[in-house]
Amino acid sequence: MEYAKIKERLIQRVSEKLTKELDLYKEKILSKGLKEVFDHAYEIDSYINIYEMLLMKIEYLEIAQLYRVALLPYILGFFYEQWLETEDTVAEQFCEAIDMAVKRELNMGVFMNIN
């Protein structure tokens, strides 16, 4: 079988597996109460972002990489755990953006002193 067909089949297999995993995850989350759903908001958002990112990137993977991803029992879960292990600078960036916005707005006199 030629390289392009093998790669196309692997991409299809990984795409289907990702979609099925996300659907099962959604079912699991939606079966919980509102408080538990709210408590898992970051995880839910991360799973969806990982799903979307992987769908955009899988066509650029080599066959060996696609094959290894296809063999993962829980693709989204695996990448979520990897994400949790990485150093997070988002909170720092968020704080810096808020600090800059507050300084900018205060300098422009937008915020009013309410006593």
PDB file of N, CA and C in Angstrom:
ATOM      1  N   MET A   1       0.861  -1.172   0.000  1.00  0.00           N
ATOM      2  CA  MET A   1       0.000   0.000   0.000  1.00  0.00           C
ATOM      3  C   MET A   1       0.909   1.238   0.000  1.00  0.00           C
ATOM      4  N   GLU A   2       0.525   2.223  -0.728  1.00  0.00           N
ATOM      5  CA  GLU A   2       1.365   3.413  -0.837  1.00  0.00           C
ATOM      6  C   GLU A   2       1.280   4.292   0.416  1.00  0.00           C
ATOM      7  N   TYR A   3       2.316   5.079   0.608  1.00  0.00           N
ATOM      8  CA  TYR A   3       2.482   5.930   1.779  1.00  0.00           C
ATOM      9  C   TYR A   3       1.262   6.829   1.997  1.00  0.00           C
ATOM     10  N   ALA A   4       0.800   7.503   0.952  1.00  0.00           N
ATOM     11  CA  ALA A   4      -0.312   8.459   1.089  1.00  0.00           C
ATOM     12  C   ALA A   4      -1.583   7.781   1.582  1.00  0.00           C
ATOM     13  N   LYS A   5      -1.852   6.566   1.108  1.00  0.00           N
ATOM     14  CA  LYS A   5      -3.073   5.859   1.532  1.00  0.00           C
ATOM     15  C   LYS A   5      -2.964   5.390   2.980  1.00  0.00           C
ATOM     16  N   ILE A   6      -1.781   4.928   3.350  1.00  0.00           N
ATOM     17  CA  ILE A   6      -1.579   4.500   4.741  1.00  0.00           C
ATOM     18  C   ILE A   6      -1.774   5.695   5.668  1.00  0.00           C
ATOM     19  N   LYS A   7      -1.161   6.815   5.300  1.00  0.00           N
ATOM     20  CA  LYS A   7      -1.273   8.009   6.130  1.00  0.00           C
ATOM     21  C   LYS A   7      -2.725   8.477   6.201  1.00  0.00           C
ATOM     22  N   GLU A   8      -3.421   8.451   5.081  1.00  0.00           N
ATOM     23  CA  GLU A   8      -4.830   8.871   5.059  1.00  0.00           C
ATOM     24  C   GLU A   8      -5.678   8.001   5.978  1.00  0.00           C
ATOM     25  N   ARG A   9      -5.439   6.702   5.963  1.00  0.00           N
ATOM     26  CA  ARG A   9      -6.197   5.790   6.830  1.00  0.00           C
ATOM     27  C   ARG A   9      -5.893   6.032   8.303  1.00  0.00           C
ATOM     28  N   LEU A  10      -4.627   6.277   8.603  1.00  0.00           N
ATOM     29  CA  LEU A  10      -4.265   6.550   9.997  1.00  0.00           C
ATOM     30  C   LEU A  10      -4.871   7.864  10.478  1.00  0.00           C
ATOM     31  N   ILE A  11      -4.856   8.877   9.632  1.00  0.00           N
ATOM     32  CA  ILE A  11      -5.472  10.158   9.988  1.00  0.00           C
ATOM     33  C   ILE A  11      -6.957   9.959  10.267  1.00  0.00           C
ATOM     34  N   GLN A  12      -7.618   9.183   9.409  1.00  0.00           N
ATOM     35  CA  GLN A  12      -9.048   8.907   9.589  1.00  0.00           C
ATOM     36  C   GLN A  12      -9.293   8.156  10.902  1.00  0.00           C
ATOM     37  N   ARG A  13      -8.444   7.162  11.165  1.00  0.00           N
ATOM     38  CA  ARG A  13      -8.600   6.369  12.388  1.00  0.00           C
ATOM     39  C   ARG A  13      -8.411   7.245  13.633  1.00  0.00           C
ATOM     40  N   VAL A  14      -7.372   8.070  13.638  1.00  0.00           N
ATOM     41  CA  VAL A  14      -7.117   8.938  14.791  1.00  0.00           C
ATOM     42  C   VAL A  14      -8.246   9.952  14.951  1.00  0.00           C
ATOM     43  N   SER A  15      -8.712  10.524  13.837  1.00  0.00           N
ATOM     44  CA  SER A  15      -9.817  11.493  13.889  1.00  0.00           C
ATOM     45  C   SER A  15     -11.074  10.867  14.489  1.00  0.00           C
ATOM     46  N   GLU A  16     -11.405   9.675  14.037  1.00  0.00           N
ATOM     47  CA  GLU A  16     -12.584   8.981  14.559  1.00  0.00           C
ATOM     48  C   GLU A  16     -12.421   8.648  16.041  1.00  0.00           C
ATOM     49  N   LYS A  17     -11.223   8.219  16.409  1.00  0.00           N
ATOM     50  CA  LYS A  17     -10.964   7.876  17.811  1.00  0.00           C
ATOM     51  C   LYS A  17     -11.059   9.119  18.694  1.00  0.00           C
ATOM     52  N   LEU A  18     -10.519  10.236  18.216  1.00  0.00           N
ATOM     53  CA  LEU A  18     -10.613  11.492  18.970  1.00  0.00           C
ATOM     54  C   LEU A  18     -12.064  11.909  19.164  1.00  0.00           C
ATOM     55  N   THR A  19     -12.844  11.849  18.102  1.00  0.00           N
ATOM     56  CA  THR A  19     -14.249  12.244  18.166  1.00  0.00           C
ATOM     57  C   THR A  19     -15.024  11.346  19.122  1.00  0.00           C
ATOM     58  N   LYS A  20     -14.776  10.051  19.047  1.00  0.00           N
ATOM     59  CA  LYS A  20     -15.459   9.113  19.935  1.00  0.00           C
ATOM     60  C   LYS A  20     -15.071   9.377  21.388  1.00  0.00           C
ATOM     61  N   GLU A  21     -13.783   9.615  21.615  1.00  0.00           N
ATOM     62  CA  GLU A  21     -13.333   9.881  22.985  1.00  0.00           C
ATOM     63  C   GLU A  21     -13.948  11.165  23.534  1.00  0.00           C
ATOM     64  N   LEU A  22     -14.003  12.219  22.710  1.00  0.00           N
ATOM     65  CA  LEU A  22     -14.606  13.466  23.170  1.00  0.00           C
ATOM     66  C   LEU A  22     -16.095  13.280  23.442  1.00  0.00           C
ATOM     67  N   ASP A  23     -16.786  12.540  22.590  1.00  0.00           N
ATOM     68  CA  ASP A  23     -18.219  12.273  22.800  1.00  0.00           C
ATOM     69  C   ASP A  23     -18.450  11.525  24.111  1.00  0.00           C
ATOM     70  N   LEU A  24     -17.619  10.518  24.393  1.00  0.00           N
ATOM     71  CA  LEU A  24     -17.747   9.771  25.652  1.00  0.00           C
ATOM     72  C   LEU A  24     -17.444  10.656  26.853  1.00  0.00           C
ATOM     73  N   TYR A  25     -16.450  11.520  26.708  1.00  0.00           N
ATOM     74  CA  TYR A  25     -16.102  12.448  27.774  1.00  0.00           C
ATOM     75  C   TYR A  25     -17.270  13.404  28.041  1.00  0.00           C
ATOM     76  N   LYS A  26     -17.865  13.933  26.968  1.00  0.00           N
ATOM     77  CA  LYS A  26     -19.014  14.833  27.124  1.00  0.00           C
ATOM     78  C   LYS A  26     -20.164  14.133  27.830  1.00  0.00           C
ATOM     79  N   GLU A  27     -20.449  12.896  27.438  1.00  0.00           N
ATOM     80  CA  GLU A  27     -21.517  12.127  28.094  1.00  0.00           C
ATOM     81  C   GLU A  27     -21.244  11.986  29.581  1.00  0.00           C
ATOM     82  N   LYS A  28     -19.994  11.654  29.916  1.00  0.00           N
ATOM     83  CA  LYS A  28     -19.616  11.475  31.318  1.00  0.00           C
ATOM     84  C   LYS A  28     -19.808  12.772  32.090  1.00  0.00           C
ATOM     85  N   ILE A  29     -19.338  13.867  31.536  1.00  0.00           N
ATOM     86  CA  ILE A  29     -19.433  15.163  32.209  1.00  0.00           C
ATOM     87  C   ILE A  29     -20.890  15.601  32.340  1.00  0.00           C
ATOM     88  N   LEU A  30     -21.674  15.438  31.278  1.00  0.00           N
ATOM     89  CA  LEU A  30     -23.063  15.885  31.301  1.00  0.00           C
ATOM     90  C   LEU A  30     -23.942  15.057  32.240  1.00  0.00           C
ATOM     91  N   SER A  31     -23.458  13.877  32.622  1.00  0.00           N
ATOM     92  CA  SER A  31     -24.235  13.052  33.556  1.00  0.00           C
ATOM     93  C   SER A  31     -24.019  13.493  35.005  1.00  0.00           C
ATOM     94  N   LYS A  32     -23.127  14.429  35.219  1.00  0.00           N
ATOM     95  CA  LYS A  32     -22.822  14.907  36.566  1.00  0.00           C
ATOM     96  C   LYS A  32     -23.679  16.120  36.904  1.00  0.00           C
ATOM     97  N   GLY A  33     -23.681  16.481  38.144  1.00  0.00           N
ATOM     98  CA  GLY A  33     -24.423  17.655  38.588  1.00  0.00           C
ATOM     99  C   GLY A  33     -23.735  18.942  38.152  1.00  0.00           C
ATOM    100  N   LEU A  34     -24.460  20.049  38.235  1.00  0.00           N
ATOM    101  CA  LEU A  34     -23.923  21.340  37.799  1.00  0.00           C
ATOM    102  C   LEU A  34     -22.662  21.737  38.565  1.00  0.00           C
ATOM    103  N   LYS A  35     -22.641  21.487  39.863  1.00  0.00           N
ATOM    104  CA  LYS A  35     -21.464  21.859  40.648  1.00  0.00           C
ATOM    105  C   LYS A  35     -20.233  21.099  40.168  1.00  0.00           C
ATOM    106  N   GLU A  36     -20.397  19.819  39.916  1.00  0.00           N
ATOM    107  CA  GLU A  36     -19.267  19.010  39.453  1.00  0.00           C
ATOM    108  C   GLU A  36     -18.816  19.428  38.058  1.00  0.00           C
ATOM    109  N   VAL A  37     -19.764  19.784  37.201  1.00  0.00           N
ATOM    110  CA  VAL A  37     -19.409  20.294  35.875  1.00  0.00           C
ATOM    111  C   VAL A  37     -18.620  21.588  36.027  1.00  0.00           C
ATOM    112  N   PHE A  38     -19.094  22.463  36.879  1.00  0.00           N
ATOM    113  CA  PHE A  38     -18.403  23.727  37.118  1.00  0.00           C
ATOM    114  C   PHE A  38     -17.004  23.483  37.678  1.00  0.00           C
ATOM    115  N   ASP A  39     -16.889  22.532  38.596  1.00  0.00           N
ATOM    116  CA  ASP A  39     -15.594  22.197  39.191  1.00  0.00           C
ATOM    117  C   ASP A  39     -14.596  21.668  38.161  1.00  0.00           C
ATOM    118  N   HIS A  40     -15.099  21.113  37.070  1.00  0.00           N
ATOM    119  CA  HIS A  40     -14.242  20.545  36.021  1.00  0.00           C
ATOM    120  C   HIS A  40     -14.139  21.453  34.789  1.00  0.00           C
ATOM    121  N   ALA A  41     -14.493  22.713  34.939  1.00  0.00           N
ATOM    122  CA  ALA A  41     -14.517  23.636  33.790  1.00  0.00           C
ATOM    123  C   ALA A  41     -13.173  23.713  33.075  1.00  0.00           C
ATOM    124  N   TYR A  42     -12.086  23.803  33.820  1.00  0.00           N
ATOM    125  CA  TYR A  42     -10.755  23.892  33.201  1.00  0.00           C
ATOM    126  C   TYR A  42     -10.445  22.620  32.413  1.00  0.00           C
ATOM    127  N   GLU A  43     -10.739  21.485  33.012  1.00  0.00           N
ATOM    128  CA  GLU A  43     -10.509  20.206  32.345  1.00  0.00           C
ATOM    129  C   GLU A  43     -11.340  20.105  31.070  1.00  0.00           C
ATOM    130  N   ILE A  44     -12.603  20.498  31.144  1.00  0.00           N
ATOM    131  CA  ILE A  44     -13.498  20.450  29.975  1.00  0.00           C
ATOM    132  C   ILE A  44     -12.948  21.324  28.858  1.00  0.00           C
ATOM    133  N   ASP A  45     -12.589  22.555  29.205  1.00  0.00           N
ATOM    134  CA  ASP A  45     -12.039  23.478  28.211  1.00  0.00           C
ATOM    135  C   ASP A  45     -10.749  22.925  27.610  1.00  0.00           C
ATOM    136  N   SER A  46      -9.910  22.338  28.445  1.00  0.00           N
ATOM    137  CA  SER A  46      -8.649  21.774  27.968  1.00  0.00           C
ATOM    138  C   SER A  46      -8.896  20.606  27.014  1.00  0.00           C
ATOM    139  N   TYR A  47      -9.803  19.723  27.367  1.00  0.00           N
ATOM    140  CA  TYR A  47     -10.106  18.580  26.491  1.00  0.00           C
ATOM    141  C   TYR A  47     -10.570  19.069  25.116  1.00  0.00           C
ATOM    142  N   ILE A  48     -11.441  20.054  25.097  1.00  0.00           N
ATOM    143  CA  ILE A  48     -11.954  20.573  23.821  1.00  0.00           C
ATOM    144  C   ILE A  48     -10.829  21.231  23.029  1.00  0.00           C
ATOM    145  N   ASN A  49      -9.990  22.019  23.701  1.00  0.00           N
ATOM    146  CA  ASN A  49      -8.868  22.660  23.016  1.00  0.00           C
ATOM    147  C   ASN A  49      -7.877  21.635  22.470  1.00  0.00           C
ATOM    148  N   ILE A  50      -7.578  20.612  23.244  1.00  0.00           N
ATOM    149  CA  ILE A  50      -6.667  19.556  22.794  1.00  0.00           C
ATOM    150  C   ILE A  50      -7.260  18.841  21.591  1.00  0.00           C
ATOM    151  N   TYR A  51      -8.539  18.523  21.655  1.00  0.00           N
ATOM    152  CA  TYR A  51      -9.233  17.872  20.537  1.00  0.00           C
ATOM    153  C   TYR A  51      -9.102  18.700  19.255  1.00  0.00           C
ATOM    154  N   GLU A  52      -9.428  19.983  19.357  1.00  0.00           N
ATOM    155  CA  GLU A  52      -9.381  20.854  18.178  1.00  0.00           C
ATOM    156  C   GLU A  52      -7.958  20.999  17.648  1.00  0.00           C
ATOM    157  N   MET A  53      -6.993  21.135  18.552  1.00  0.00           N
ATOM    158  CA  MET A  53      -5.599  21.290  18.147  1.00  0.00           C
ATOM    159  C   MET A  53      -5.095  20.030  17.449  1.00  0.00           C
ATOM    160  N   LEU A  54      -5.407  18.871  18.012  1.00  0.00           N
ATOM    161  CA  LEU A  54      -4.962  17.622  17.400  1.00  0.00           C
ATOM    162  C   LEU A  54      -5.580  17.424  16.018  1.00  0.00           C
ATOM    163  N   LEU A  55      -6.850  17.761  15.862  1.00  0.00           N
ATOM    164  CA  LEU A  55      -7.474  17.625  14.549  1.00  0.00           C
ATOM    165  C   LEU A  55      -6.793  18.510  13.512  1.00  0.00           C
ATOM    166  N   MET A  56      -6.328  19.669  13.936  1.00  0.00           N
ATOM    167  CA  MET A  56      -5.624  20.562  13.005  1.00  0.00           C
ATOM    168  C   MET A  56      -4.220  20.055  12.686  1.00  0.00           C
ATOM    169  N   LYS A  57      -3.606  19.366  13.621  1.00  0.00           N
ATOM    170  CA  LYS A  57      -2.200  19.003  13.475  1.00  0.00           C
ATOM    171  C   LYS A  57      -1.947  17.588  12.962  1.00  0.00           C
ATOM    172  N   ILE A  58      -2.917  16.701  13.023  1.00  0.00           N
ATOM    173  CA  ILE A  58      -2.623  15.302  12.702  1.00  0.00           C
ATOM    174  C   ILE A  58      -2.157  15.087  11.267  1.00  0.00           C
ATOM    175  N   GLU A  59      -2.604  15.917  10.348  1.00  0.00           N
ATOM    176  CA  GLU A  59      -2.179  15.720   8.959  1.00  0.00           C
ATOM    177  C   GLU A  59      -0.692  16.009   8.764  1.00  0.00           C
ATOM    178  N   TYR A  60      -0.077  16.705   9.708  1.00  0.00           N
ATOM    179  CA  TYR A  60       1.342  17.032   9.614  1.00  0.00           C
ATOM    180  C   TYR A  60       2.241  16.006  10.309  1.00  0.00           C
ATOM    181  N   LEU A  61       1.636  15.038  10.982  1.00  0.00           N
ATOM    182  CA  LEU A  61       2.415  14.010  11.664  1.00  0.00           C
ATOM    183  C   LEU A  61       2.914  12.970  10.661  1.00  0.00           C
ATOM    184  N   GLU A  62       4.028  12.363  10.998  1.00  0.00           N
ATOM    185  CA  GLU A  62       4.556  11.260  10.199  1.00  0.00           C
ATOM    186  C   GLU A  62       3.763   9.998  10.516  1.00  0.00           C
ATOM    187  N   ILE A  63       3.856   9.010   9.657  1.00  0.00           N
ATOM    188  CA  ILE A  63       3.109   7.761   9.842  1.00  0.00           C
ATOM    189  C   ILE A  63       3.425   7.120  11.189  1.00  0.00           C
ATOM    190  N   ALA A  64       4.692   7.076  11.570  1.00  0.00           N
ATOM    191  CA  ALA A  64       5.063   6.458  12.855  1.00  0.00           C
ATOM    192  C   ALA A  64       4.424   7.201  14.027  1.00  0.00           C
ATOM    193  N   GLN A  65       4.365   8.520  13.942  1.00  0.00           N
ATOM    194  CA  GLN A  65       3.736   9.314  15.004  1.00  0.00           C
ATOM    195  C   GLN A  65       2.232   9.059  15.040  1.00  0.00           C
ATOM    196  N   LEU A  66       1.608   9.029  13.876  1.00  0.00           N
ATOM    197  CA  LEU A  66       0.167   8.755  13.800  1.00  0.00           C
ATOM    198  C   LEU A  66      -0.147   7.381  14.391  1.00  0.00           C
ATOM    199  N   TYR A  67       0.684   6.416  14.062  1.00  0.00           N
ATOM    200  CA  TYR A  67       0.478   5.060  14.556  1.00  0.00           C
ATOM    201  C   TYR A  67       0.564   5.026  16.079  1.00  0.00           C
ATOM    202  N   ARG A  68       1.565   5.712  16.651  1.00  0.00           N
ATOM    203  CA  ARG A  68       1.707   5.742  18.112  1.00  0.00           C
ATOM    204  C   ARG A  68       0.525   6.450  18.764  1.00  0.00           C
ATOM    205  N   VAL A  69       0.054   7.526  18.159  1.00  0.00           N
ATOM    206  CA  VAL A  69      -1.115   8.233  18.702  1.00  0.00           C
ATOM    207  C   VAL A  69      -2.343   7.326  18.631  1.00  0.00           C
ATOM    208  N   ALA A  70      -2.502   6.627  17.517  1.00  0.00           N
ATOM    209  CA  ALA A  70      -3.655   5.734  17.350  1.00  0.00           C
ATOM    210  C   ALA A  70      -3.660   4.617  18.388  1.00  0.00           C
ATOM    211  N   LEU A  71      -2.487   4.215  18.858  1.00  0.00           N
ATOM    212  CA  LEU A  71      -2.399   3.131  19.841  1.00  0.00           C
ATOM    213  C   LEU A  71      -2.661   3.580  21.275  1.00  0.00           C
ATOM    214  N   LEU A  72      -2.666   4.889  21.512  1.00  0.00           N
ATOM    215  CA  LEU A  72      -2.947   5.372  22.868  1.00  0.00           C
ATOM    216  C   LEU A  72      -4.370   4.979  23.264  1.00  0.00           C
ATOM    217  N   PRO A  73      -4.549   4.428  24.470  1.00  0.00           N
ATOM    218  CA  PRO A  73      -5.904   4.045  24.873  1.00  0.00           C
ATOM    219  C   PRO A  73      -6.837   5.253  25.012  1.00  0.00           C
ATOM    220  N   TYR A  74      -6.321   6.358  25.540  1.00  0.00           N
ATOM    221  CA  TYR A  74      -7.102   7.583  25.711  1.00  0.00           C
ATOM    222  C   TYR A  74      -6.250   8.751  25.226  1.00  0.00           C
ATOM    223  N   ILE A  75      -6.448   9.143  23.987  1.00  0.00           N
ATOM    224  CA  ILE A  75      -5.618  10.172  23.369  1.00  0.00           C
ATOM    225  C   ILE A  75      -5.776  11.501  24.103  1.00  0.00           C
ATOM    226  N   LEU A  76      -7.006  11.944  24.277  1.00  0.00           N
ATOM    227  CA  LEU A  76      -7.246  13.236  24.927  1.00  0.00           C
ATOM    228  C   LEU A  76      -6.766  13.216  26.367  1.00  0.00           C
ATOM    229  N   GLY A  77      -7.021  12.143  27.062  1.00  0.00           N
ATOM    230  CA  GLY A  77      -6.566  12.012  28.437  1.00  0.00           C
ATOM    231  C   GLY A  77      -5.050  12.060  28.528  1.00  0.00           C
ATOM    232  N   PHE A  78      -4.378  11.392  27.603  1.00  0.00           N
ATOM    233  CA  PHE A  78      -2.917  11.392  27.576  1.00  0.00           C
ATOM    234  C   PHE A  78      -2.379  12.810  27.398  1.00  0.00           C
ATOM    235  N   PHE A  79      -2.900  13.533  26.399  1.00  0.00           N
ATOM    236  CA  PHE A  79      -2.403  14.874  26.138  1.00  0.00           C
ATOM    237  C   PHE A  79      -2.819  15.861  27.235  1.00  0.00           C
ATOM    238  N   TYR A  80      -3.946  15.626  27.877  1.00  0.00           N
ATOM    239  CA  TYR A  80      -4.341  16.463  29.008  1.00  0.00           C
ATOM    240  C   TYR A  80      -3.345  16.293  30.152  1.00  0.00           C
ATOM    241  N   GLU A  81      -2.972  15.061  30.450  1.00  0.00           N
ATOM    242  CA  GLU A  81      -1.991  14.807  31.506  1.00  0.00           C
ATOM    243  C   GLU A  81      -0.646  15.436  31.159  1.00  0.00           C
ATOM    244  N   GLN A  82      -0.259  15.366  29.887  1.00  0.00           N
ATOM    245  CA  GLN A  82       0.987  16.002  29.455  1.00  0.00           C
ATOM    246  C   GLN A  82       0.905  17.512  29.661  1.00  0.00           C
ATOM    247  N   TRP A  83      -0.241  18.088  29.332  1.00  0.00           N
ATOM    248  CA  TRP A  83      -0.451  19.523  29.499  1.00  0.00           C
ATOM    249  C   TRP A  83      -0.325  19.920  30.970  1.00  0.00           C
ATOM    250  N   LEU A  84      -0.909  19.122  31.854  1.00  0.00           N
ATOM    251  CA  LEU A  84      -0.854  19.438  33.276  1.00  0.00           C
ATOM    252  C   LEU A  84       0.577  19.406  33.818  1.00  0.00           C
ATOM    253  N   GLU A  85       1.447  18.633  33.184  1.00  0.00           N
ATOM    254  CA  GLU A  85       2.829  18.515  33.635  1.00  0.00           C
ATOM    255  C   GLU A  85       3.730  19.627  33.097  1.00  0.00           C
ATOM    256  N   THR A  86       3.236  20.440  32.169  1.00  0.00           N
ATOM    257  CA  THR A  86       4.062  21.505  31.623  1.00  0.00           C
ATOM    258  C   THR A  86       3.981  22.741  32.510  1.00  0.00           C
ATOM    259  N   GLU A  87       5.031  23.541  32.457  1.00  0.00           N
ATOM    260  CA  GLU A  87       5.050  24.772  33.244  1.00  0.00           C
ATOM    261  C   GLU A  87       4.009  25.729  32.690  1.00  0.00           C
ATOM    262  N   ASP A  88       3.203  26.281  33.565  1.00  0.00           N
ATOM    263  CA  ASP A  88       2.106  27.163  33.158  1.00  0.00           C
ATOM    264  C   ASP A  88       2.509  28.622  33.326  1.00  0.00           C
ATOM    265  N   THR A  89       2.522  29.336  32.211  1.00  0.00           N
ATOM    266  CA  THR A  89       2.818  30.772  32.265  1.00  0.00           C
ATOM    267  C   THR A  89       1.575  31.595  31.944  1.00  0.00           C
ATOM    268  N   VAL A  90       0.470  30.917  31.698  1.00  0.00           N
ATOM    269  CA  VAL A  90      -0.758  31.619  31.342  1.00  0.00           C
ATOM    270  C   VAL A  90      -1.218  32.529  32.473  1.00  0.00           C
ATOM    271  N   ALA A  91      -1.155  32.047  33.700  1.00  0.00           N
ATOM    272  CA  ALA A  91      -1.592  32.862  34.835  1.00  0.00           C
ATOM    273  C   ALA A  91      -0.737  34.118  34.957  1.00  0.00           C
ATOM    274  N   GLU A  92       0.577  33.950  34.759  1.00  0.00           N
ATOM    275  CA  GLU A  92       1.467  35.111  34.814  1.00  0.00           C
ATOM    276  C   GLU A  92       1.125  36.113  33.708  1.00  0.00           C
ATOM    277  N   GLN A  93       0.897  35.595  32.498  1.00  0.00           N
ATOM    278  CA  GLN A  93       0.546  36.467  31.371  1.00  0.00           C
ATOM    279  C   GLN A  93      -0.771  37.180  31.639  1.00  0.00           C
ATOM    280  N   PHE A  94      -1.725  36.483  32.223  1.00  0.00           N
ATOM    281  CA  PHE A  94      -3.019  37.058  32.550  1.00  0.00           C
ATOM    282  C   PHE A  94      -2.856  38.204  33.549  1.00  0.00           C
ATOM    283  N   CYS A  95      -2.077  37.954  34.588  1.00  0.00           N
ATOM    284  CA  CYS A  95      -1.840  38.993  35.606  1.00  0.00           C
ATOM    285  C   CYS A  95      -1.147  40.206  34.993  1.00  0.00           C
ATOM    286  N   GLU A  96      -0.155  39.970  34.150  1.00  0.00           N
ATOM    287  CA  GLU A  96       0.548  41.079  33.496  1.00  0.00           C
ATOM    288  C   GLU A  96      -0.404  41.891  32.618  1.00  0.00           C
ATOM    289  N   ALA A  97      -1.274  41.219  31.891  1.00  0.00           N
ATOM    290  CA  ALA A  97      -2.232  41.908  31.028  1.00  0.00           C
ATOM    291  C   ALA A  97      -3.198  42.758  31.858  1.00  0.00           C
ATOM    292  N   ILE A  98      -3.656  42.208  32.978  1.00  0.00           N
ATOM    293  CA  ILE A  98      -4.559  42.957  33.860  1.00  0.00           C
ATOM    294  C   ILE A  98      -3.823  44.161  34.440  1.00  0.00           C
ATOM    295  N   ASP A  99      -2.583  43.937  34.904  1.00  0.00           N
ATOM    296  CA  ASP A  99      -1.794  45.053  35.452  1.00  0.00           C
ATOM    297  C   ASP A  99      -1.621  46.169  34.426  1.00  0.00           C
ATOM    298  N   MET A 100      -1.279  45.794  33.204  1.00  0.00           N
ATOM    299  CA  MET A 100      -1.079  46.799  32.144  1.00  0.00           C
ATOM    300  C   MET A 100      -2.379  47.537  31.838  1.00  0.00           C
ATOM    301  N   ALA A 101      -3.485  46.810  31.795  1.00  0.00           N
ATOM    302  CA  ALA A 101      -4.773  47.435  31.495  1.00  0.00           C
ATOM    303  C   ALA A 101      -5.176  48.400  32.605  1.00  0.00           C
ATOM    304  N   VAL A 102      -4.985  47.991  33.848  1.00  0.00           N
ATOM    305  CA  VAL A 102      -5.327  48.860  34.970  1.00  0.00           C
ATOM    306  C   VAL A 102      -4.473  50.119  34.931  1.00  0.00           C
ATOM    307  N   LYS A 103      -3.156  49.978  34.734  1.00  0.00           N
ATOM    308  CA  LYS A 103      -2.268  51.140  34.671  1.00  0.00           C
ATOM    309  C   LYS A 103      -2.663  52.070  33.522  1.00  0.00           C
ATOM    310  N   ARG A 104      -2.955  51.483  32.372  1.00  0.00           N
ATOM    311  CA  ARG A 104      -3.350  52.270  31.211  1.00  0.00           C
ATOM    312  C   ARG A 104      -4.645  53.021  31.487  1.00  0.00           C
ATOM    313  N   GLU A 105      -5.625  52.357  32.044  1.00  0.00           N
ATOM    314  CA  GLU A 105      -6.922  52.978  32.305  1.00  0.00           C
ATOM    315  C   GLU A 105      -6.820  54.033  33.398  1.00  0.00           C
ATOM    316  N   LEU A 106      -6.015  53.750  34.421  1.00  0.00           N
ATOM    317  CA  LEU A 106      -5.838  54.739  35.487  1.00  0.00           C
ATOM    318  C   LEU A 106      -5.154  55.987  34.958  1.00  0.00           C
ATOM    319  N   ASN A 107      -4.182  55.788  34.074  1.00  0.00           N
ATOM    320  CA  ASN A 107      -3.486  56.943  33.489  1.00  0.00           C
ATOM    321  C   ASN A 107      -4.407  57.753  32.594  1.00  0.00           C
ATOM    322  N   MET A 108      -5.407  57.086  32.018  1.00  0.00           N
ATOM    323  CA  MET A 108      -6.329  57.789  31.145  1.00  0.00           C
ATOM    324  C   MET A 108      -7.488  58.392  31.936  1.00  0.00           C
ATOM    325  N   GLY A 109      -7.566  58.107  33.241  1.00  0.00           N
ATOM    326  CA  GLY A 109      -8.614  58.667  34.075  1.00  0.00           C
ATOM    327  C   GLY A 109      -9.967  58.002  33.887  1.00  0.00           C
ATOM    328  N   VAL A 110      -9.981  56.764  33.364  1.00  0.00           N
ATOM    329  CA  VAL A 110     -11.253  56.071  33.140  1.00  0.00           C
ATOM    330  C   VAL A 110     -11.850  55.603  34.454  1.00  0.00           C
ATOM    331  N   PHE A 111     -11.011  55.055  35.347  1.00  0.00           N
ATOM    332  CA  PHE A 111     -11.528  54.594  36.630  1.00  0.00           C
ATOM    333  C   PHE A 111     -11.796  55.815  37.503  1.00  0.00           C
ATOM    334  N   MET A 112     -12.911  55.791  38.175  1.00  0.00           N
ATOM    335  CA  MET A 112     -13.276  56.900  39.052  1.00  0.00           C
ATOM    336  C   MET A 112     -13.126  56.457  40.487  1.00  0.00           C
ATOM    337  N   ASN A 113     -12.746  57.357  41.328  1.00  0.00           N
ATOM    338  CA  ASN A 113     -12.620  57.076  42.753  1.00  0.00           C
ATOM    339  C   ASN A 113     -14.005  57.193  43.380  1.00  0.00           C
ATOM    340  N   ILE A 114     -14.524  56.060  43.834  1.00  0.00           N
ATOM    341  CA  ILE A 114     -15.859  56.057  44.443  1.00  0.00           C
ATOM    342  C   ILE A 114     -15.681  55.832  45.932  1.00  0.00           C
ATOM    343  N   ASN A 115     -16.141  56.784  46.718  1.00  0.00           N
ATOM    344  CA  ASN A 115     -16.042  56.659  48.185  1.00  0.00           C
ATOM    345  C   ASN A 115     -17.396  56.493  48.794  1.00  0.00           C
TER     346      ASN A 115
END
